[in-house]
Amino acid sequence: MSFDIKPYQTKMDGCIAAYENELAGVRSGRASTTAVTGINVDYYGSPTPINQVAEVKLADPMTIAVTPWDKSTLKDVEKAIIAADLGVNPQNDGSMIRIAFQPLTEDKRKEIVKQIKAMGENAKVALRNVRRDANDKAKELKKDSVLTEDGLKDAEKNVQDLTDKYVKKIDELTEKKSKEVMTV
């Protein structure tokens, strides 16, 4: 019997997806609708994602326009945006809310790049945890005489190769997002 690496590959895919999702919420030099995707609006007593109560689109490269489908929820949408603490003041014109983002300063860009690198390190830690779990499982199978000594070594090598592949992907995603943030 050989060691099945598939479940650990699936977990590592999940780590990458979570990191990509986290990166999507990081502000680069321009407005992005992802800046508001995590906001929940109090919609008739239940927290509802903003994109389910309003149209969220880019008005221009530095402005997000949020137009509620039900005009009576405009104030609730505005409150939710303010509570999200995006570092901007939403402008309510009675039918839509405009969120204008200011260009980032050089210092702010560098600070964001540091945050991105820290997020990348956290994602790598998650990958290493999956690697540890896989190696522990392989050692357990060896102890139970399901795997041979060579089978254990092969399993550990395959797990390490897989981990290296995913760490490289995280490095690429980190580099890409860092360049995006530093581009004026």
N, C-alpha and C. Protein backbone atom coordinates (compact mmCIF):
# COMPACT_ATOMS: atom_id res chain seq x y z
N MET A 1 0.84 -1.19 0.00
CA MET A 1 0.00 0.00 0.00
C MET A 1 0.88 1.25 0.00
N SER A 2 0.46 2.24 -0.76
CA SER A 2 1.22 3.49 -0.77
C SER A 2 0.46 4.56 0.01
N PHE A 3 1.15 5.61 0.33
CA PHE A 3 0.57 6.71 1.11
C PHE A 3 -0.25 7.61 0.20
N ASP A 4 -1.50 7.90 0.59
CA ASP A 4 -2.40 8.74 -0.20
C ASP A 4 -2.20 10.21 0.16
N ILE A 5 -1.66 10.96 -0.77
CA ILE A 5 -1.34 12.37 -0.53
C ILE A 5 -2.50 13.30 -0.89
N LYS A 6 -3.50 12.78 -1.59
CA LYS A 6 -4.62 13.60 -2.09
C LYS A 6 -5.32 14.44 -1.02
N PRO A 7 -5.68 13.86 0.16
CA PRO A 7 -6.39 14.68 1.15
C PRO A 7 -5.55 15.88 1.62
N TYR A 8 -4.24 15.70 1.65
CA TYR A 8 -3.36 16.78 2.10
C TYR A 8 -3.19 17.83 0.99
N GLN A 9 -3.22 17.37 -0.25
CA GLN A 9 -3.20 18.31 -1.37
C GLN A 9 -4.46 19.17 -1.35
N THR A 10 -5.60 18.56 -1.04
CA THR A 10 -6.86 19.30 -0.95
C THR A 10 -6.79 20.34 0.16
N LYS A 11 -6.20 19.96 1.31
CA LYS A 11 -6.05 20.92 2.42
C LYS A 11 -5.13 22.07 2.02
N MET A 12 -4.07 21.77 1.28
CA MET A 12 -3.14 22.82 0.84
C MET A 12 -3.82 23.73 -0.17
N ASP A 13 -4.66 23.15 -1.04
CA ASP A 13 -5.45 23.98 -1.96
C ASP A 13 -6.32 24.95 -1.17
N GLY A 14 -6.87 24.46 -0.08
CA GLY A 14 -7.69 25.30 0.78
C GLY A 14 -6.89 26.43 1.41
N CYS A 15 -5.65 26.14 1.79
CA CYS A 15 -4.76 27.19 2.34
C CYS A 15 -4.51 28.28 1.30
N ILE A 16 -4.27 27.87 0.05
CA ILE A 16 -4.03 28.83 -1.03
C ILE A 16 -5.28 29.66 -1.28
N ALA A 17 -6.43 29.01 -1.33
CA ALA A 17 -7.70 29.72 -1.57
C ALA A 17 -7.96 30.74 -0.46
N ALA A 18 -7.71 30.35 0.78
CA ALA A 18 -7.91 31.27 1.91
C ALA A 18 -6.97 32.46 1.80
N TYR A 19 -5.72 32.21 1.40
CA TYR A 19 -4.74 33.30 1.24
C TYR A 19 -5.14 34.23 0.11
N GLU A 20 -5.59 33.66 -1.00
CA GLU A 20 -6.04 34.50 -2.13
C GLU A 20 -7.23 35.36 -1.71
N ASN A 21 -8.12 34.78 -0.94
CA ASN A 21 -9.29 35.52 -0.45
C ASN A 21 -8.85 36.66 0.47
N GLU A 22 -7.88 36.37 1.33
CA GLU A 22 -7.36 37.39 2.24
C GLU A 22 -6.68 38.51 1.45
N LEU A 23 -5.91 38.14 0.42
CA LEU A 23 -5.23 39.14 -0.41
C LEU A 23 -6.23 40.02 -1.16
N ALA A 24 -7.35 39.45 -1.56
CA ALA A 24 -8.35 40.21 -2.31
C ALA A 24 -8.88 41.38 -1.49
N GLY A 25 -8.88 41.23 -0.18
CA GLY A 25 -9.37 42.30 0.69
C GLY A 25 -8.35 43.37 0.99
N VAL A 26 -7.10 43.17 0.55
CA VAL A 26 -6.05 44.15 0.80
C VAL A 26 -6.15 45.26 -0.24
N ARG A 27 -6.17 46.49 0.26
CA ARG A 27 -6.30 47.63 -0.62
C ARG A 27 -4.99 47.90 -1.36
N SER A 28 -5.11 48.02 -2.68
CA SER A 28 -3.94 48.42 -3.47
C SER A 28 -4.11 49.90 -3.79
N GLY A 29 -3.50 50.40 -4.79
CA GLY A 29 -3.54 51.82 -5.09
C GLY A 29 -4.85 52.33 -5.64
N ARG A 30 -5.77 51.47 -5.96
CA ARG A 30 -7.05 51.90 -6.53
C ARG A 30 -8.22 51.23 -5.83
N ALA A 31 -9.39 51.75 -6.10
CA ALA A 31 -10.59 51.19 -5.49
C ALA A 31 -10.87 49.80 -6.06
N SER A 32 -11.45 48.96 -5.21
CA SER A 32 -11.84 47.62 -5.65
C SER A 32 -13.09 47.24 -4.88
N THR A 33 -14.02 46.61 -5.58
CA THR A 33 -15.27 46.22 -4.91
C THR A 33 -15.02 45.21 -3.80
N THR A 34 -13.87 44.53 -3.83
CA THR A 34 -13.56 43.57 -2.77
C THR A 34 -13.38 44.27 -1.42
N ALA A 35 -13.16 45.59 -1.44
CA ALA A 35 -13.00 46.34 -0.19
C ALA A 35 -14.28 46.30 0.65
N VAL A 36 -15.42 46.10 0.01
CA VAL A 36 -16.69 46.10 0.75
C VAL A 36 -17.37 44.73 0.81
N THR A 37 -16.77 43.70 0.20
CA THR A 37 -17.44 42.40 0.14
C THR A 37 -17.65 41.76 1.52
N GLY A 38 -16.81 42.07 2.47
CA GLY A 38 -16.97 41.47 3.79
C GLY A 38 -17.95 42.21 4.69
N ILE A 39 -18.56 43.27 4.19
CA ILE A 39 -19.46 44.09 5.01
C ILE A 39 -20.85 43.46 5.04
N ASN A 40 -21.41 43.36 6.25
CA ASN A 40 -22.77 42.87 6.43
C ASN A 40 -23.67 44.03 6.83
N VAL A 41 -24.83 44.12 6.20
CA VAL A 41 -25.81 45.16 6.46
C VAL A 41 -26.93 44.58 7.32
N ASP A 42 -27.40 45.36 8.29
CA ASP A 42 -28.55 44.93 9.09
C ASP A 42 -29.79 45.10 8.22
N TYR A 43 -30.22 44.03 7.60
CA TYR A 43 -31.33 44.06 6.65
C TYR A 43 -32.55 43.43 7.31
N TYR A 44 -33.44 44.26 7.78
CA TYR A 44 -34.64 43.81 8.49
C TYR A 44 -34.31 42.82 9.61
N GLY A 45 -33.29 43.19 10.38
CA GLY A 45 -32.94 42.41 11.57
C GLY A 45 -31.94 41.30 11.39
N SER A 46 -31.54 41.00 10.16
CA SER A 46 -30.54 39.93 9.99
C SER A 46 -29.35 40.47 9.21
N PRO A 47 -28.12 40.09 9.64
CA PRO A 47 -26.93 40.55 8.93
C PRO A 47 -26.86 39.90 7.55
N THR A 48 -26.80 40.75 6.53
CA THR A 48 -26.82 40.28 5.14
C THR A 48 -25.63 40.89 4.40
N PRO A 49 -24.90 40.09 3.59
CA PRO A 49 -23.79 40.65 2.82
C PRO A 49 -24.25 41.83 1.94
N ILE A 50 -23.41 42.85 1.87
CA ILE A 50 -23.78 44.07 1.18
C ILE A 50 -24.15 43.83 -0.29
N ASN A 51 -23.48 42.86 -0.93
CA ASN A 51 -23.78 42.62 -2.35
C ASN A 51 -25.12 41.91 -2.56
N GLN A 52 -25.80 41.53 -1.46
CA GLN A 52 -27.13 40.93 -1.58
C GLN A 52 -28.24 41.95 -1.36
N VAL A 53 -27.87 43.15 -0.90
CA VAL A 53 -28.88 44.20 -0.70
C VAL A 53 -28.64 45.41 -1.60
N ALA A 54 -27.50 45.41 -2.31
CA ALA A 54 -27.17 46.56 -3.14
C ALA A 54 -26.27 46.16 -4.30
N GLU A 55 -26.30 47.00 -5.33
CA GLU A 55 -25.37 46.83 -6.44
C GLU A 55 -24.08 47.53 -6.04
N VAL A 56 -22.97 46.81 -6.14
CA VAL A 56 -21.67 47.35 -5.79
C VAL A 56 -20.83 47.37 -7.07
N LYS A 57 -20.41 48.57 -7.50
CA LYS A 57 -19.61 48.65 -8.73
C LYS A 57 -18.63 49.80 -8.63
N LEU A 58 -17.66 49.81 -9.53
CA LEU A 58 -16.69 50.90 -9.59
C LEU A 58 -17.27 52.04 -10.42
N ALA A 59 -17.33 53.23 -9.82
CA ALA A 59 -17.78 54.41 -10.56
C ALA A 59 -16.61 54.95 -11.39
N ASP A 60 -15.41 54.90 -10.83
CA ASP A 60 -14.17 55.25 -11.51
C ASP A 60 -13.04 54.54 -10.77
N PRO A 61 -11.80 54.65 -11.22
CA PRO A 61 -10.73 53.87 -10.57
C PRO A 61 -10.53 54.14 -9.07
N MET A 62 -11.02 55.26 -8.57
CA MET A 62 -10.82 55.58 -7.16
C MET A 62 -12.13 55.61 -6.36
N THR A 63 -13.26 55.26 -6.97
CA THR A 63 -14.56 55.37 -6.30
C THR A 63 -15.41 54.12 -6.48
N ILE A 64 -16.00 53.66 -5.38
CA ILE A 64 -16.96 52.56 -5.41
C ILE A 64 -18.36 53.17 -5.25
N ALA A 65 -19.29 52.72 -6.08
CA ALA A 65 -20.68 53.17 -5.97
C ALA A 65 -21.52 52.01 -5.44
N VAL A 66 -22.28 52.29 -4.37
CA VAL A 66 -23.15 51.28 -3.76
C VAL A 66 -24.59 51.78 -3.88
N THR A 67 -25.40 51.06 -4.66
CA THR A 67 -26.80 51.46 -4.88
C THR A 67 -27.73 50.39 -4.33
N PRO A 68 -28.38 50.66 -3.18
CA PRO A 68 -29.30 49.67 -2.62
C PRO A 68 -30.49 49.44 -3.54
N TRP A 69 -30.94 48.19 -3.62
CA TRP A 69 -32.11 47.89 -4.44
C TRP A 69 -33.38 48.40 -3.77
N ASP A 70 -33.37 48.37 -2.45
CA ASP A 70 -34.50 48.89 -1.67
C ASP A 70 -34.02 50.20 -1.06
N LYS A 71 -34.52 51.34 -1.54
CA LYS A 71 -34.03 52.66 -1.11
C LYS A 71 -34.21 52.89 0.39
N SER A 72 -35.16 52.18 1.02
CA SER A 72 -35.38 52.36 2.46
C SER A 72 -34.20 51.82 3.28
N THR A 73 -33.30 51.04 2.67
CA THR A 73 -32.16 50.48 3.40
C THR A 73 -30.90 51.33 3.24
N LEU A 74 -31.01 52.46 2.56
CA LEU A 74 -29.84 53.31 2.28
C LEU A 74 -29.09 53.67 3.56
N LYS A 75 -29.81 54.09 4.59
CA LYS A 75 -29.17 54.48 5.87
C LYS A 75 -28.48 53.28 6.53
N ASP A 76 -29.12 52.10 6.44
CA ASP A 76 -28.52 50.90 7.03
C ASP A 76 -27.23 50.52 6.30
N VAL A 77 -27.25 50.66 4.98
CA VAL A 77 -26.05 50.36 4.18
C VAL A 77 -24.94 51.34 4.56
N GLU A 78 -25.29 52.62 4.68
CA GLU A 78 -24.30 53.64 5.03
C GLU A 78 -23.71 53.35 6.41
N LYS A 79 -24.54 53.00 7.38
CA LYS A 79 -24.07 52.67 8.74
C LYS A 79 -23.09 51.49 8.70
N ALA A 80 -23.44 50.48 7.91
CA ALA A 80 -22.58 49.30 7.82
C ALA A 80 -21.21 49.65 7.23
N ILE A 81 -21.21 50.52 6.23
CA ILE A 81 -19.94 50.93 5.60
C ILE A 81 -19.10 51.72 6.60
N ILE A 82 -19.73 52.61 7.34
CA ILE A 82 -19.01 53.40 8.34
C ILE A 82 -18.46 52.47 9.43
N ALA A 83 -19.28 51.52 9.88
CA ALA A 83 -18.87 50.58 10.93
C ALA A 83 -17.72 49.69 10.48
N ALA A 84 -17.59 49.46 9.17
CA ALA A 84 -16.52 48.60 8.65
C ALA A 84 -15.16 49.26 8.78
N ASP A 85 -15.13 50.56 9.03
CA ASP A 85 -13.89 51.30 9.26
C ASP A 85 -12.87 51.10 8.13
N LEU A 86 -13.29 51.48 6.93
CA LEU A 86 -12.43 51.36 5.75
C LEU A 86 -11.42 52.50 5.65
N GLY A 87 -11.55 53.48 6.55
CA GLY A 87 -10.65 54.63 6.50
C GLY A 87 -11.11 55.66 5.47
N VAL A 88 -12.38 55.61 5.08
CA VAL A 88 -12.94 56.57 4.12
C VAL A 88 -14.31 57.03 4.63
N ASN A 89 -14.75 58.18 4.13
CA ASN A 89 -16.08 58.67 4.49
C ASN A 89 -17.03 58.46 3.32
N PRO A 90 -18.03 57.61 3.51
CA PRO A 90 -19.00 57.40 2.43
C PRO A 90 -19.86 58.65 2.22
N GLN A 91 -20.17 58.94 0.96
CA GLN A 91 -21.01 60.09 0.62
C GLN A 91 -22.37 59.59 0.17
N ASN A 92 -23.43 59.97 0.91
CA ASN A 92 -24.79 59.54 0.63
C ASN A 92 -25.49 60.67 -0.13
N ASP A 93 -25.94 60.40 -1.38
CA ASP A 93 -26.62 61.44 -2.14
C ASP A 93 -28.13 61.22 -2.21
N GLY A 94 -28.64 60.31 -1.36
CA GLY A 94 -30.07 60.06 -1.32
C GLY A 94 -30.52 58.87 -2.13
N SER A 95 -29.72 58.45 -3.11
CA SER A 95 -30.08 57.27 -3.90
C SER A 95 -28.94 56.26 -3.97
N MET A 96 -27.72 56.71 -3.75
CA MET A 96 -26.56 55.81 -3.75
C MET A 96 -25.51 56.34 -2.79
N ILE A 97 -24.57 55.49 -2.49
CA ILE A 97 -23.46 55.86 -1.62
C ILE A 97 -22.18 55.75 -2.43
N ARG A 98 -21.41 56.81 -2.41
CA ARG A 98 -20.10 56.80 -3.08
C ARG A 98 -19.01 56.70 -2.03
N ILE A 99 -18.07 55.80 -2.29
CA ILE A 99 -16.93 55.63 -1.38
C ILE A 99 -15.68 56.00 -2.18
N ALA A 100 -15.13 57.17 -1.89
CA ALA A 100 -13.95 57.65 -2.63
C ALA A 100 -12.68 57.31 -1.84
N PHE A 101 -11.76 56.63 -2.50
CA PHE A 101 -10.50 56.27 -1.88
C PHE A 101 -9.43 57.27 -2.31
N GLN A 102 -8.64 57.70 -1.35
CA GLN A 102 -7.52 58.61 -1.64
C GLN A 102 -6.33 57.77 -2.11
N PRO A 103 -5.50 58.35 -2.98
CA PRO A 103 -4.29 57.62 -3.37
C PRO A 103 -3.43 57.31 -2.14
N LEU A 104 -2.78 56.18 -2.14
CA LEU A 104 -1.95 55.78 -1.01
C LEU A 104 -0.61 56.52 -1.04
N THR A 105 -0.13 56.90 0.16
CA THR A 105 1.20 57.50 0.25
C THR A 105 2.24 56.39 0.15
N GLU A 106 3.47 56.77 -0.10
CA GLU A 106 4.56 55.80 -0.21
C GLU A 106 4.71 55.01 1.10
N ASP A 107 4.62 55.71 2.24
CA ASP A 107 4.74 55.04 3.54
C ASP A 107 3.61 54.03 3.74
N LYS A 108 2.40 54.42 3.38
CA LYS A 108 1.25 53.53 3.53
C LYS A 108 1.41 52.30 2.64
N ARG A 109 1.92 52.51 1.43
CA ARG A 109 2.15 51.37 0.52
C ARG A 109 3.14 50.38 1.14
N LYS A 110 4.22 50.91 1.70
CA LYS A 110 5.23 50.04 2.32
C LYS A 110 4.66 49.30 3.51
N GLU A 111 3.81 49.97 4.28
CA GLU A 111 3.16 49.34 5.42
C GLU A 111 2.25 48.20 4.96
N ILE A 112 1.51 48.43 3.88
CA ILE A 112 0.62 47.39 3.34
C ILE A 112 1.43 46.20 2.83
N VAL A 113 2.57 46.47 2.19
CA VAL A 113 3.43 45.38 1.70
C VAL A 113 3.92 44.53 2.88
N LYS A 114 4.26 45.19 4.00
CA LYS A 114 4.67 44.43 5.20
C LYS A 114 3.54 43.53 5.67
N GLN A 115 2.31 44.06 5.65
CA GLN A 115 1.15 43.26 6.06
C GLN A 115 0.96 42.07 5.13
N ILE A 116 1.14 42.31 3.82
CA ILE A 116 0.99 41.23 2.84
C ILE A 116 2.02 40.13 3.10
N LYS A 117 3.26 40.53 3.39
CA LYS A 117 4.31 39.54 3.65
C LYS A 117 4.01 38.75 4.92
N ALA A 118 3.46 39.43 5.95
CA ALA A 118 3.09 38.73 7.18
C ALA A 118 1.95 37.73 6.91
N MET A 119 1.00 38.14 6.08
CA MET A 119 -0.10 37.24 5.71
C MET A 119 0.46 36.03 4.96
N GLY A 120 1.45 36.26 4.09
CA GLY A 120 2.09 35.17 3.35
C GLY A 120 2.77 34.19 4.30
N GLU A 121 3.45 34.73 5.32
CA GLU A 121 4.10 33.85 6.30
C GLU A 121 3.07 33.02 7.06
N ASN A 122 1.94 33.63 7.41
CA ASN A 122 0.88 32.89 8.09
C ASN A 122 0.34 31.77 7.21
N ALA A 123 0.21 32.04 5.91
CA ALA A 123 -0.26 31.02 4.97
C ALA A 123 0.75 29.88 4.88
N LYS A 124 2.04 30.21 4.92
CA LYS A 124 3.09 29.17 4.88
C LYS A 124 3.04 28.32 6.14
N VAL A 125 2.76 28.96 7.29
CA VAL A 125 2.63 28.20 8.54
C VAL A 125 1.48 27.20 8.41
N ALA A 126 0.37 27.63 7.81
CA ALA A 126 -0.76 26.73 7.61
C ALA A 126 -0.36 25.54 6.74
N LEU A 127 0.42 25.80 5.69
CA LEU A 127 0.90 24.72 4.82
C LEU A 127 1.79 23.75 5.60
N ARG A 128 2.67 24.33 6.43
CA ARG A 128 3.59 23.47 7.20
C ARG A 128 2.82 22.61 8.21
N ASN A 129 1.72 23.15 8.72
CA ASN A 129 0.88 22.36 9.62
C ASN A 129 0.27 21.16 8.89
N VAL A 130 -0.15 21.39 7.64
CA VAL A 130 -0.69 20.29 6.83
C VAL A 130 0.41 19.26 6.57
N ARG A 131 1.63 19.77 6.27
CA ARG A 131 2.76 18.87 6.03
C ARG A 131 3.04 18.01 7.27
N ARG A 132 3.02 18.64 8.43
CA ARG A 132 3.26 17.91 9.69
C ARG A 132 2.20 16.82 9.88
N ASP A 133 0.93 17.19 9.64
CA ASP A 133 -0.15 16.20 9.78
C ASP A 133 0.06 15.02 8.83
N ALA A 134 0.46 15.32 7.60
CA ALA A 134 0.69 14.25 6.61
C ALA A 134 1.84 13.35 7.05
N ASN A 135 2.94 13.97 7.51
CA ASN A 135 4.08 13.18 7.95
C ASN A 135 3.74 12.34 9.18
N ASP A 136 2.96 12.91 10.10
CA ASP A 136 2.53 12.15 11.28
C ASP A 136 1.70 10.94 10.87
N LYS A 137 0.81 11.14 9.92
CA LYS A 137 -0.03 10.04 9.43
C LYS A 137 0.83 8.95 8.79
N ALA A 138 1.83 9.37 7.99
CA ALA A 138 2.73 8.40 7.35
C ALA A 138 3.50 7.61 8.40
N LYS A 139 3.98 8.29 9.45
CA LYS A 139 4.71 7.60 10.52
C LYS A 139 3.80 6.62 11.27
N GLU A 140 2.55 7.02 11.45
CA GLU A 140 1.57 6.15 12.10
C GLU A 140 1.35 4.88 11.26
N LEU A 141 1.25 5.07 9.94
CA LEU A 141 1.07 3.91 9.04
C LEU A 141 2.30 3.01 9.08
N LYS A 142 3.48 3.61 9.19
CA LYS A 142 4.73 2.83 9.27
C LYS A 142 4.73 2.03 10.58
N LYS A 143 4.32 2.69 11.68
CA LYS A 143 4.27 2.04 12.99
C LYS A 143 3.30 0.86 12.99
N ASP A 144 2.20 1.02 12.25
CA ASP A 144 1.19 -0.04 12.15
C ASP A 144 1.55 -1.08 11.09
N SER A 145 2.77 -0.99 10.54
CA SER A 145 3.29 -1.91 9.51
C SER A 145 2.48 -1.88 8.22
N VAL A 146 1.82 -0.76 7.95
CA VAL A 146 1.11 -0.61 6.67
C VAL A 146 2.10 -0.11 5.62
N LEU A 147 3.02 0.76 6.05
CA LEU A 147 4.06 1.27 5.15
C LEU A 147 5.40 0.65 5.53
N THR A 148 6.24 0.45 4.52
CA THR A 148 7.61 -0.01 4.78
C THR A 148 8.46 1.22 5.06
N GLU A 149 9.72 1.00 5.44
CA GLU A 149 10.65 2.11 5.68
C GLU A 149 10.81 2.94 4.40
N ASP A 150 10.96 2.24 3.27
CA ASP A 150 11.08 2.95 1.99
C ASP A 150 9.78 3.69 1.66
N GLY A 151 8.65 3.08 1.97
CA GLY A 151 7.35 3.72 1.74
C GLY A 151 7.22 5.00 2.54
N LEU A 152 7.71 4.97 3.79
CA LEU A 152 7.70 6.15 4.65
C LEU A 152 8.56 7.25 4.05
N LYS A 153 9.76 6.88 3.62
CA LYS A 153 10.66 7.88 3.01
C LYS A 153 10.05 8.49 1.75
N ASP A 154 9.44 7.65 0.92
CA ASP A 154 8.77 8.14 -0.30
C ASP A 154 7.62 9.09 0.06
N ALA A 155 6.84 8.71 1.05
CA ALA A 155 5.71 9.54 1.46
C ALA A 155 6.21 10.90 1.95
N GLU A 156 7.24 10.89 2.79
CA GLU A 156 7.79 12.15 3.31
C GLU A 156 8.35 13.02 2.19
N LYS A 157 9.00 12.37 1.21
CA LYS A 157 9.54 13.13 0.08
C LYS A 157 8.40 13.74 -0.75
N ASN A 158 7.36 12.95 -1.01
CA ASN A 158 6.22 13.46 -1.78
C ASN A 158 5.53 14.61 -1.06
N VAL A 159 5.37 14.48 0.25
CA VAL A 159 4.74 15.55 1.04
C VAL A 159 5.61 16.81 0.99
N GLN A 160 6.93 16.64 1.11
CA GLN A 160 7.82 17.81 1.06
C GLN A 160 7.78 18.47 -0.31
N ASP A 161 7.78 17.67 -1.38
CA ASP A 161 7.70 18.23 -2.74
C ASP A 161 6.41 19.02 -2.92
N LEU A 162 5.32 18.47 -2.41
CA LEU A 162 4.02 19.15 -2.51
C LEU A 162 4.06 20.46 -1.72
N THR A 163 4.61 20.42 -0.52
CA THR A 163 4.71 21.62 0.31
C THR A 163 5.55 22.69 -0.40
N ASP A 164 6.68 22.28 -0.97
CA ASP A 164 7.55 23.23 -1.69
C ASP A 164 6.79 23.90 -2.84
N LYS A 165 6.00 23.13 -3.55
CA LYS A 165 5.22 23.65 -4.68
C LYS A 165 4.24 24.73 -4.19
N TYR A 166 3.55 24.45 -3.09
CA TYR A 166 2.57 25.39 -2.57
C TYR A 166 3.22 26.62 -1.93
N VAL A 167 4.37 26.44 -1.28
CA VAL A 167 5.10 27.58 -0.72
C VAL A 167 5.53 28.51 -1.85
N LYS A 168 5.97 27.93 -2.96
CA LYS A 168 6.37 28.74 -4.12
C LYS A 168 5.17 29.54 -4.64
N LYS A 169 3.99 28.92 -4.66
CA LYS A 169 2.78 29.60 -5.11
C LYS A 169 2.44 30.78 -4.19
N ILE A 170 2.59 30.58 -2.89
CA ILE A 170 2.34 31.67 -1.94
C ILE A 170 3.33 32.80 -2.17
N ASP A 171 4.59 32.46 -2.40
CA ASP A 171 5.60 33.49 -2.68
C ASP A 171 5.23 34.27 -3.94
N GLU A 172 4.75 33.57 -4.97
CA GLU A 172 4.35 34.24 -6.22
C GLU A 172 3.17 35.18 -5.98
N LEU A 173 2.16 34.71 -5.23
CA LEU A 173 0.99 35.54 -4.94
C LEU A 173 1.39 36.78 -4.13
N THR A 174 2.28 36.58 -3.16
CA THR A 174 2.75 37.68 -2.32
C THR A 174 3.48 38.72 -3.17
N GLU A 175 4.35 38.25 -4.04
CA GLU A 175 5.13 39.14 -4.90
C GLU A 175 4.21 39.93 -5.84
N LYS A 176 3.23 39.23 -6.43
CA LYS A 176 2.31 39.88 -7.36
C LYS A 176 1.52 40.97 -6.66
N LYS A 177 0.98 40.67 -5.48
CA LYS A 177 0.17 41.66 -4.74
C LYS A 177 1.04 42.81 -4.27
N SER A 178 2.27 42.52 -3.85
CA SER A 178 3.19 43.58 -3.41
C SER A 178 3.49 44.56 -4.55
N LYS A 179 3.73 44.01 -5.75
CA LYS A 179 3.98 44.87 -6.92
C LYS A 179 2.75 45.71 -7.23
N GLU A 180 1.55 45.10 -7.14
CA GLU A 180 0.31 45.81 -7.40
C GLU A 180 0.15 46.99 -6.43
N VAL A 181 0.47 46.78 -5.16
CA VAL A 181 0.35 47.83 -4.16
C VAL A 181 1.38 48.94 -4.40
N MET A 182 2.59 48.56 -4.77
CA MET A 182 3.65 49.56 -4.95
C MET A 182 3.55 50.34 -6.25
N THR A 183 2.73 49.85 -7.20
CA THR A 183 2.54 50.55 -8.47
C THR A 183 1.63 51.76 -8.28
N VAL A 184 2.13 52.91 -8.67
CA VAL A 184 1.35 54.14 -8.50
C VAL A 184 0.44 54.35 -9.68
